Amino acid sequence: MATLITPSIVTKEALRLLDNELIAKKLVYTDYSNEFIRGVGTSVTIRRPLAFSVRNSMTMSVQDPVEGSVSLTLDKVAGADIRFSDIERTLTIEEYSDRVLKPVMRGIANKIDRDILDNTKYFWSTVGTAGNRVTTWAGFAAAPQRLMEMAVPEGDTHAVMTPNDGYGLAGAFTGTYVQDIARPAIERAKLPSLPGMAAAYMSNNLPVVTAGTRVLADGLTNGASQTSNWADVRTTFKQDLICDDFAASATFKAGDVFTLSGVYAVNPVLSGDGTTTLKPNYSYLQQFVVLEDKQADGAGAVTLSISPPLITSGPYQTCYNSNANTDGLTITFVGAASAIMPVNAAFHRNAIAFVTRPLEMPAGVTDCARETYKGISLRMTPVWDGISSVQNWRFDIIYGTQMIDGRLGTRFFGA
């Protein structure tokens, strides 16, 4: 039997459709939503994992745990507003859902996914050759390999690729897979099973990084003691890097990735030999990501905000510096100046968090409805226009997204 639309029925159907259209939200950590539901305000503090050095002798060496944290704030809203007449209210929910609700929820889902995936441009690890399309398994495999080198736990790692790269990779596989429009978006976007990943998906909501006007290998660090210690960066996990010798007024964009000559990546798990507390280093250079847009002055000097910070010893060591100090190190960027670089990303679900909370019901408004389904809370509020005799309905969601641990993800291009 057909069901006529009511605020409660519409909200339930809208939330079902919204969940059906989401991709990225299902790939990230969402359990922090409970912290907001218990009324702790508009932000929550998330603990960073602890790390300890390991001794290799029977001599006791006590370490004080210095816990880090990151703050996640509910600072994003996704909403849509629709208008319909009294006559249109006689539609059945089946008719209304297909004609009106589905495109409305698809738009909201795209905004949520875009906000979540925007965090991936702050992964500092980048593999492949910037600008190259992913067309082979060998090109893709560099991503799960890098995650394994960074000791990312297996089981909850996923890849999200642009349609251009996703279909480029799909061409390397035999057989076909059906894109059934009636299936959830996360199933329609799924690529064939790929080793090293729980699943891989395609999405047009990934960010695009437009590189600054800096050139590939240009600029030097300016300062001999530009390193950090965990206690000072445990709540930000970033540092300022003083540089010079760039072209006058060169620009640097959030998401730009670079290396420093002689500064190598380290195994993030193995933690020293009990004496030096130095982690074993890899044969490739550590990568760093620019967090904020910056511009060099007329003399080519600039201070970049970067992550990870340069921590060169201890349990939270991020890199190994083979140089005598940090002065005069050559800065080499990924990608050409002003290059447009669509992001493909592989990451563990704990790399990024998504939270939402139920909005308060407005006082004095009748027929307002609010529903929560699979970690998303949607509120629908009616607004009556008595002059035109039309009903306005507004749909609202409040949420926040945050990078929790950039080590748990990598960006990748083709080989």
Protein backbone atom coordinates (compact mmCIF):
# COMPACT_ATOMS: atom_id res chain seq x y z
CA MET A 1 0.00 0.00 0.00
CA ALA A 2 1.35 3.43 -0.96
CA THR A 3 2.25 5.73 1.93
CA LEU A 4 1.54 9.48 1.80
CA ILE A 5 4.42 11.71 2.78
CA THR A 6 4.78 13.09 6.31
CA PRO A 7 7.76 14.87 7.89
CA SER A 8 8.84 11.77 9.81
CA ILE A 9 8.53 9.44 6.83
CA VAL A 10 10.36 11.90 4.56
CA THR A 11 13.25 12.27 7.03
CA LYS A 12 13.65 8.51 7.37
CA GLU A 13 13.60 8.03 3.61
CA ALA A 14 16.00 10.95 3.06
CA LEU A 15 18.48 9.48 5.55
CA ARG A 16 18.28 6.06 3.89
CA LEU A 17 18.98 7.64 0.50
CA LEU A 18 21.83 9.72 1.94
CA ASP A 19 23.55 6.64 3.36
CA ASN A 20 23.10 4.96 -0.01
CA GLU A 21 25.02 7.78 -1.75
CA LEU A 22 27.97 8.08 0.66
CA ILE A 23 31.36 6.55 -0.10
CA ALA A 24 34.12 8.21 1.95
CA LYS A 25 32.16 8.32 5.21
CA LYS A 26 32.11 4.51 5.25
CA LEU A 27 35.89 4.31 4.92
CA VAL A 28 36.89 6.48 7.91
CA TYR A 29 36.57 6.41 11.68
CA THR A 30 33.17 7.52 12.97
CA ASP A 31 32.99 6.33 16.58
CA TYR A 32 33.87 9.76 18.01
CA SER A 33 30.29 10.85 17.29
CA ASN A 34 29.34 9.37 20.67
CA GLU A 35 31.53 11.94 22.40
CA PHE A 36 29.40 14.75 20.99
CA ILE A 37 26.09 13.04 21.72
CA ARG A 38 27.04 12.97 25.39
CA GLY A 39 27.19 16.75 25.29
CA VAL A 40 30.87 17.61 25.53
CA GLY A 41 30.46 20.66 23.27
CA THR A 42 31.43 21.43 19.70
CA SER A 43 34.91 19.88 19.82
CA VAL A 44 36.48 16.74 21.17
CA THR A 45 40.12 15.92 21.94
CA ILE A 46 41.39 12.72 20.34
CA ARG A 47 44.43 10.97 21.82
CA ARG A 48 47.34 10.19 19.54
CA PRO A 49 48.91 6.70 19.90
CA LEU A 50 51.72 6.41 22.43
CA ALA A 51 55.20 5.21 21.41
CA PHE A 52 58.08 3.89 23.51
CA SER A 53 61.72 3.05 22.94
CA VAL A 54 62.71 -0.60 23.36
CA ARG A 55 65.77 -1.58 25.41
CA ASN A 56 68.09 -4.46 24.48
CA SER A 57 69.47 -5.25 27.91
CA MET A 58 68.26 -6.23 31.39
CA THR A 59 68.91 -2.73 32.71
CA MET A 60 65.62 -1.00 33.43
CA SER A 61 65.05 2.31 31.60
CA VAL A 62 61.77 3.90 32.69
CA GLN A 63 60.00 6.23 30.23
CA ASP A 64 57.30 8.73 31.09
CA PRO A 65 54.40 8.51 28.60
CA VAL A 66 53.94 11.89 26.91
CA GLU A 67 50.53 11.69 25.31
CA GLY A 68 49.67 13.70 22.22
CA SER A 69 46.25 14.76 21.00
CA VAL A 70 44.36 16.35 18.13
CA SER A 71 41.21 18.45 18.36
CA LEU A 72 38.21 17.69 16.14
CA THR A 73 35.57 20.39 15.79
CA LEU A 74 32.01 20.27 14.48
CA ASP A 75 32.43 23.12 12.03
CA LYS A 76 30.75 21.95 8.82
CA VAL A 77 27.13 22.03 7.69
CA ALA A 78 25.47 20.31 4.77
CA GLY A 79 21.93 21.37 3.98
CA ALA A 80 19.39 21.61 1.21
CA ASP A 81 16.01 23.33 0.99
CA ILE A 82 13.02 22.40 -1.15
CA ARG A 83 9.59 23.88 -1.81
CA PHE A 84 6.39 22.17 -2.87
CA SER A 85 2.67 22.95 -2.97
CA ASP A 86 -0.18 21.45 -0.98
CA ILE A 87 -1.15 19.45 -4.04
CA GLU A 88 2.36 17.95 -4.28
CA ARG A 89 2.08 16.81 -0.67
CA THR A 90 -0.41 14.21 -1.81
CA LEU A 91 2.36 12.32 -3.57
CA THR A 92 3.30 8.91 -2.21
CA ILE A 93 6.70 8.59 -0.55
CA GLU A 94 7.79 6.32 -3.42
CA GLU A 95 7.03 9.03 -5.99
CA TYR A 96 8.50 11.80 -3.85
CA SER A 97 11.65 9.85 -3.04
CA ASP A 98 12.53 9.16 -6.65
CA ARG A 99 11.64 12.60 -8.00
CA VAL A 100 12.82 14.93 -5.23
CA LEU A 101 14.66 13.32 -2.33
CA LYS A 102 17.18 11.28 -4.30
CA PRO A 103 18.85 14.24 -6.09
CA VAL A 104 18.75 16.33 -2.89
CA MET A 105 20.48 13.63 -0.82
CA ARG A 106 22.98 12.94 -3.59
CA GLY A 107 24.11 16.56 -3.40
CA ILE A 108 24.47 16.44 0.39
CA ALA A 109 26.36 13.13 0.19
CA ASN A 110 28.81 14.59 -2.32
CA LYS A 111 29.56 17.54 -0.03
CA ILE A 112 30.18 15.27 2.96
CA ASP A 113 32.43 12.96 0.94
CA ARG A 114 34.30 15.95 -0.50
CA ASP A 115 34.97 17.36 2.97
CA ILE A 116 36.22 13.98 4.23
CA LEU A 117 38.45 13.31 1.24
CA ASP A 118 39.90 16.82 1.31
CA ASN A 119 42.00 15.60 4.25
CA THR A 120 43.90 13.24 1.93
CA LYS A 121 45.86 16.11 0.39
CA TYR A 122 47.64 16.43 3.75
CA PHE A 123 49.14 12.92 3.53
CA TRP A 124 52.85 13.65 3.25
CA SER A 125 53.73 10.28 1.77
CA THR A 126 53.47 10.29 -2.05
CA VAL A 127 54.47 7.50 -4.44
CA GLY A 128 54.61 7.25 -8.23
CA THR A 129 55.36 10.00 -10.72
CA ALA A 130 53.26 13.15 -10.38
CA GLY A 131 50.91 13.54 -13.32
CA ASN A 132 51.11 9.91 -14.49
CA ARG A 133 47.86 8.00 -14.85
CA VAL A 134 47.51 4.70 -12.97
CA THR A 135 47.12 2.01 -15.62
CA THR A 136 48.93 -1.04 -14.24
CA TRP A 137 49.00 -3.17 -11.13
CA ALA A 138 52.66 -2.25 -10.68
CA GLY A 139 51.68 1.43 -10.62
CA PHE A 140 49.00 0.83 -8.02
CA ALA A 141 51.08 -1.54 -5.89
CA ALA A 142 53.41 1.23 -4.75
CA ALA A 143 50.59 2.51 -2.50
CA PRO A 144 50.01 -0.62 -0.38
CA GLN A 145 53.79 -1.16 -0.34
CA ARG A 146 54.30 2.30 1.18
CA LEU A 147 51.57 1.67 3.75
CA MET A 148 53.29 -1.55 4.77
CA GLU A 149 56.63 0.26 5.09
CA MET A 150 54.91 2.78 7.34
CA ALA A 151 53.57 -0.09 9.50
CA VAL A 152 49.95 0.70 8.68
CA PRO A 153 47.71 -2.09 10.07
CA GLU A 154 46.18 -4.36 7.45
CA GLY A 155 42.47 -5.10 7.21
CA ASP A 156 40.92 -1.63 7.21
CA THR A 157 42.93 -0.01 4.42
CA HIS A 158 41.17 1.32 1.33
CA ALA A 159 42.12 3.14 -1.83
CA VAL A 160 40.06 5.91 -3.40
CA MET A 161 40.92 6.89 -6.96
CA THR A 162 39.77 9.48 -9.45
CA PRO A 163 37.57 8.08 -12.25
CA ASN A 164 40.42 8.74 -14.69
CA ASP A 165 42.85 6.61 -12.69
CA GLY A 166 40.24 4.09 -11.55
CA TYR A 167 39.19 3.23 -15.08
CA GLY A 168 42.83 3.27 -16.14
CA LEU A 169 43.54 0.60 -13.55
CA ALA A 170 40.33 -1.32 -14.35
CA GLY A 171 41.58 -1.69 -17.91
CA ALA A 172 44.43 -3.81 -16.58
CA PHE A 173 41.96 -6.45 -15.37
CA THR A 174 40.07 -8.96 -17.44
CA GLY A 175 36.30 -9.24 -17.11
CA THR A 176 33.75 -6.56 -16.37
CA TYR A 177 31.69 -5.42 -13.44
CA VAL A 178 28.20 -3.99 -13.64
CA GLN A 179 27.51 -0.43 -12.49
CA ASP A 180 23.92 -0.89 -11.31
CA ILE A 181 22.43 2.51 -10.48
CA ALA A 182 20.13 0.95 -7.88
CA ARG A 183 23.07 -0.25 -5.79
CA PRO A 184 24.65 1.92 -3.06
CA ALA A 185 27.28 4.33 -4.31
CA ILE A 186 30.01 2.51 -2.40
CA GLU A 187 29.19 -0.68 -4.34
CA ARG A 188 28.86 1.06 -7.70
CA ALA A 189 32.26 2.71 -7.21
CA LYS A 190 34.06 -0.45 -6.13
CA LEU A 191 36.92 -1.77 -8.26
CA PRO A 192 37.86 -5.46 -8.54
CA SER A 193 39.58 -6.91 -5.48
CA LEU A 194 43.16 -5.66 -5.23
CA PRO A 195 45.87 -7.28 -3.06
CA GLY A 196 46.97 -5.15 -0.12
CA MET A 197 43.65 -3.31 0.13
CA ALA A 198 40.36 -4.20 1.79
CA ALA A 199 38.79 -2.53 -1.25
CA ALA A 200 39.43 0.19 -3.83
CA TYR A 201 36.87 2.73 -5.01
CA MET A 202 36.42 5.51 -7.51
CA SER A 203 35.17 8.97 -6.56
CA ASN A 204 35.00 12.36 -8.23
CA ASN A 205 35.15 14.04 -4.81
CA LEU A 206 38.90 13.68 -4.28
CA PRO A 207 40.84 16.94 -3.94
CA VAL A 208 43.01 18.42 -6.66
CA VAL A 209 46.31 20.00 -5.59
CA THR A 210 47.52 22.87 -7.74
CA ALA A 211 51.22 23.23 -7.03
CA GLY A 212 52.78 26.55 -6.19
CA THR A 213 55.05 28.42 -8.57
CA ARG A 214 58.11 26.91 -6.83
CA VAL A 215 60.23 24.78 -9.15
CA LEU A 216 61.09 21.12 -8.70
CA ALA A 217 64.51 21.47 -7.04
CA ASP A 218 64.96 24.92 -5.63
CA GLY A 219 65.43 26.56 -2.26
CA LEU A 220 67.47 25.71 0.82
CA THR A 221 66.75 25.37 4.50
CA ASN A 222 68.05 28.28 6.54
CA GLY A 223 68.92 27.30 10.09
CA ALA A 224 71.14 24.69 11.70
CA SER A 225 68.76 23.57 14.47
CA GLN A 226 65.42 23.15 12.72
CA THR A 227 64.25 20.03 14.49
CA SER A 228 61.39 19.40 16.90
CA ASN A 229 60.78 17.31 19.98
CA TRP A 230 57.58 15.37 20.62
CA ALA A 231 56.59 17.31 23.73
CA ASP A 232 56.40 20.57 21.77
CA VAL A 233 54.44 19.25 18.76
CA ARG A 234 52.28 16.55 20.32
CA THR A 235 49.06 18.54 19.82
CA THR A 236 49.84 19.97 16.38
CA PHE A 237 52.29 17.53 14.76
CA LYS A 238 53.70 20.32 12.63
CA GLN A 239 56.58 22.78 12.67
CA ASP A 240 57.80 25.89 10.89
CA LEU A 241 60.67 25.40 8.43
CA ILE A 242 62.70 28.52 7.62
CA CYS A 243 63.85 28.53 3.99
CA ASP A 244 65.55 30.83 1.51
CA ASP A 245 67.11 30.89 -1.95
CA PHE A 246 63.78 30.50 -3.73
CA ALA A 247 62.74 32.68 -6.64
CA ALA A 248 61.39 36.04 -5.51
CA SER A 249 57.69 35.82 -4.58
CA ALA A 250 57.50 32.06 -5.27
CA THR A 251 54.25 30.53 -4.01
CA PHE A 252 53.66 27.34 -2.04
CA LYS A 253 50.28 25.65 -1.77
CA ALA A 254 48.71 23.51 0.93
CA GLY A 255 49.30 19.94 -0.22
CA ASP A 256 52.69 20.59 -1.85
CA VAL A 257 55.06 17.71 -0.98
CA PHE A 258 58.86 17.93 -0.80
CA THR A 259 62.00 16.19 0.41
CA LEU A 260 65.19 17.49 2.07
CA SER A 261 68.58 16.29 0.88
CA GLY A 262 70.02 13.65 3.20
CA VAL A 263 66.89 13.39 5.38
CA TYR A 264 65.58 9.81 5.22
CA ALA A 265 62.37 8.06 6.19
CA VAL A 266 62.52 5.70 9.17
CA ASN A 267 60.73 2.55 10.25
CA PRO A 268 57.97 3.96 12.48
CA VAL A 269 57.65 0.89 14.70
CA LEU A 270 61.19 -0.24 15.54
CA SER A 271 62.31 2.12 18.22
CA GLY A 272 66.03 2.14 18.91
CA ASP A 273 68.58 -0.27 20.27
CA GLY A 274 68.28 0.78 23.88
CA THR A 275 71.18 3.23 23.62
CA THR A 276 70.83 5.64 20.70
CA THR A 277 67.00 5.38 20.38
CA LEU A 278 67.47 5.90 16.64
CA LYS A 279 65.05 4.08 14.36
CA PRO A 280 66.37 2.18 11.31
CA ASN A 281 66.13 4.37 8.25
CA TYR A 282 64.90 3.45 4.78
CA SER A 283 66.83 4.11 1.56
CA TYR A 284 64.39 6.80 0.38
CA LEU A 285 64.02 10.37 1.59
CA GLN A 286 61.36 11.39 4.07
CA GLN A 287 58.57 13.46 2.53
CA PHE A 288 56.95 16.52 4.09
CA VAL A 289 53.71 18.30 3.22
CA VAL A 290 53.01 22.04 3.22
CA LEU A 291 49.98 22.76 5.43
CA GLU A 292 49.24 26.39 4.51
CA ASP A 293 49.52 28.56 1.42
CA LYS A 294 52.63 30.74 1.63
CA GLN A 295 54.55 33.20 -0.58
CA ALA A 296 58.27 33.96 -0.50
CA ASP A 297 59.35 37.53 -0.06
CA GLY A 298 61.25 39.55 -2.64
CA ALA A 299 64.51 37.91 -1.59
CA GLY A 300 63.12 34.38 -1.90
CA ALA A 301 62.83 33.71 1.84
CA VAL A 302 59.78 31.95 3.33
CA THR A 303 58.77 30.06 6.45
CA LEU A 304 56.72 26.96 5.60
CA SER A 305 54.32 25.24 7.98
CA ILE A 306 55.00 21.53 7.45
CA SER A 307 54.14 18.04 8.68
CA PRO A 308 55.51 15.77 9.93
CA PRO A 309 57.85 17.74 12.16
CA LEU A 310 61.54 16.85 11.99
CA ILE A 311 61.97 14.62 15.05
CA THR A 312 65.35 12.91 14.74
CA SER A 313 65.49 10.67 17.82
CA GLY A 314 63.35 8.99 20.43
CA PRO A 315 60.20 6.86 20.17
CA TYR A 316 58.38 9.46 18.04
CA GLN A 317 61.24 9.90 15.55
CA THR A 318 59.95 10.81 12.09
CA CYS A 319 63.18 10.99 10.06
CA TYR A 320 66.93 10.40 10.02
CA ASN A 321 69.18 13.34 9.14
CA SER A 322 72.50 12.18 7.65
CA ASN A 323 73.75 15.77 7.55
CA ALA A 324 75.68 17.56 10.27
CA ASN A 325 72.67 19.84 10.87
CA THR A 326 69.60 21.23 9.08
CA ASP A 327 71.18 24.24 7.40
CA GLY A 328 71.50 24.51 3.60
CA LEU A 329 69.55 21.34 2.76
CA THR A 330 68.21 21.25 -0.80
CA ILE A 331 64.41 21.30 -1.03
CA THR A 332 62.97 19.19 -3.86
CA PHE A 333 59.25 19.27 -4.58
CA VAL A 334 56.96 16.61 -6.03
CA GLY A 335 55.50 17.71 -9.36
CA ALA A 336 56.27 20.61 -11.64
CA ALA A 337 55.58 24.24 -10.78
CA SER A 338 51.87 25.12 -11.01
CA ALA A 339 51.05 21.51 -11.97
CA ILE A 340 47.47 20.36 -11.46
CA MET A 341 47.67 17.07 -9.57
CA PRO A 342 44.47 15.10 -8.83
CA VAL A 343 44.87 13.08 -5.65
CA ASN A 344 44.55 9.30 -5.40
CA ALA A 345 44.75 8.11 -1.82
CA ALA A 346 45.22 4.85 0.08
CA PHE A 347 44.64 4.95 3.81
CA HIS A 348 43.62 3.13 6.97
CA ARG A 349 40.25 4.08 8.42
CA ASN A 350 41.96 5.52 11.52
CA ALA A 351 43.79 8.14 9.41
CA ILE A 352 40.71 10.38 9.19
CA ALA A 353 37.72 10.88 11.50
CA PHE A 354 34.16 11.93 10.71
CA VAL A 355 31.72 12.98 13.43
CA THR A 356 28.16 14.19 13.52
CA ARG A 357 25.64 14.94 16.23
CA PRO A 358 21.86 15.45 16.34
CA LEU A 359 20.89 19.09 15.89
CA GLU A 360 18.61 20.60 18.49
CA MET A 361 14.94 20.68 17.58
CA PRO A 362 13.80 24.29 17.02
CA ALA A 363 11.39 25.63 19.62
CA GLY A 364 7.84 26.35 18.51
CA VAL A 365 8.07 24.46 15.21
CA THR A 366 5.56 21.68 14.68
CA ASP A 367 6.16 18.60 12.56
CA CYS A 368 9.93 18.95 12.81
CA ALA A 369 11.58 15.55 12.44
CA ARG A 370 15.04 14.21 13.29
CA GLU A 371 16.44 10.77 12.54
CA THR A 372 19.77 9.03 13.09
CA TYR A 373 20.89 6.18 10.85
CA LYS A 374 24.30 4.48 10.64
CA GLY A 375 26.17 7.31 12.32
CA ILE A 376 24.49 10.26 10.54
CA SER A 377 21.83 12.49 12.06
CA LEU A 378 19.50 14.43 9.75
CA ARG A 379 17.01 17.08 10.82
CA MET A 380 14.08 18.20 8.67
CA THR A 381 12.32 21.45 9.57
CA PRO A 382 9.14 22.67 7.84
CA VAL A 383 8.73 26.39 7.10
CA TRP A 384 5.23 27.37 5.95
CA ASP A 385 4.75 30.20 3.45
CA GLY A 386 1.17 31.31 4.09
CA ILE A 387 1.16 33.96 1.35
CA SER A 388 1.98 31.55 -1.47
CA SER A 389 0.45 28.49 0.21
CA VAL A 390 3.60 26.45 -0.23
CA GLN A 391 5.56 24.31 2.16
CA ASN A 392 9.33 24.80 2.51
CA TRP A 393 11.35 21.98 4.00
CA ARG A 394 14.98 22.35 5.07
CA PHE A 395 17.34 19.42 5.65
CA ASP A 396 20.39 20.00 7.88
CA ILE A 397 23.39 17.99 9.05
CA ILE A 398 26.22 19.26 11.24
CA TYR A 399 29.50 17.39 11.24
CA GLY A 400 33.28 17.62 11.39
CA THR A 401 36.21 15.88 9.74
CA GLN A 402 39.83 15.75 10.83
CA MET A 403 43.10 14.12 9.89
CA ILE A 404 44.08 12.05 12.93
CA ASP A 405 47.28 10.34 11.80
CA GLY A 406 48.86 11.26 8.47
CA ARG A 407 51.27 8.31 8.71
CA LEU A 408 48.34 5.99 8.00
CA GLY A 409 47.83 7.22 4.44
CA THR A 410 49.63 7.88 1.18
CA ARG A 411 48.87 9.67 -2.08
CA PHE A 412 49.79 7.89 -5.29
CA PHE A 413 50.24 8.44 -9.02
CA GLY A 414 51.01 6.09 -11.88
CA ALA A 415 54.43 4.47 -12.20
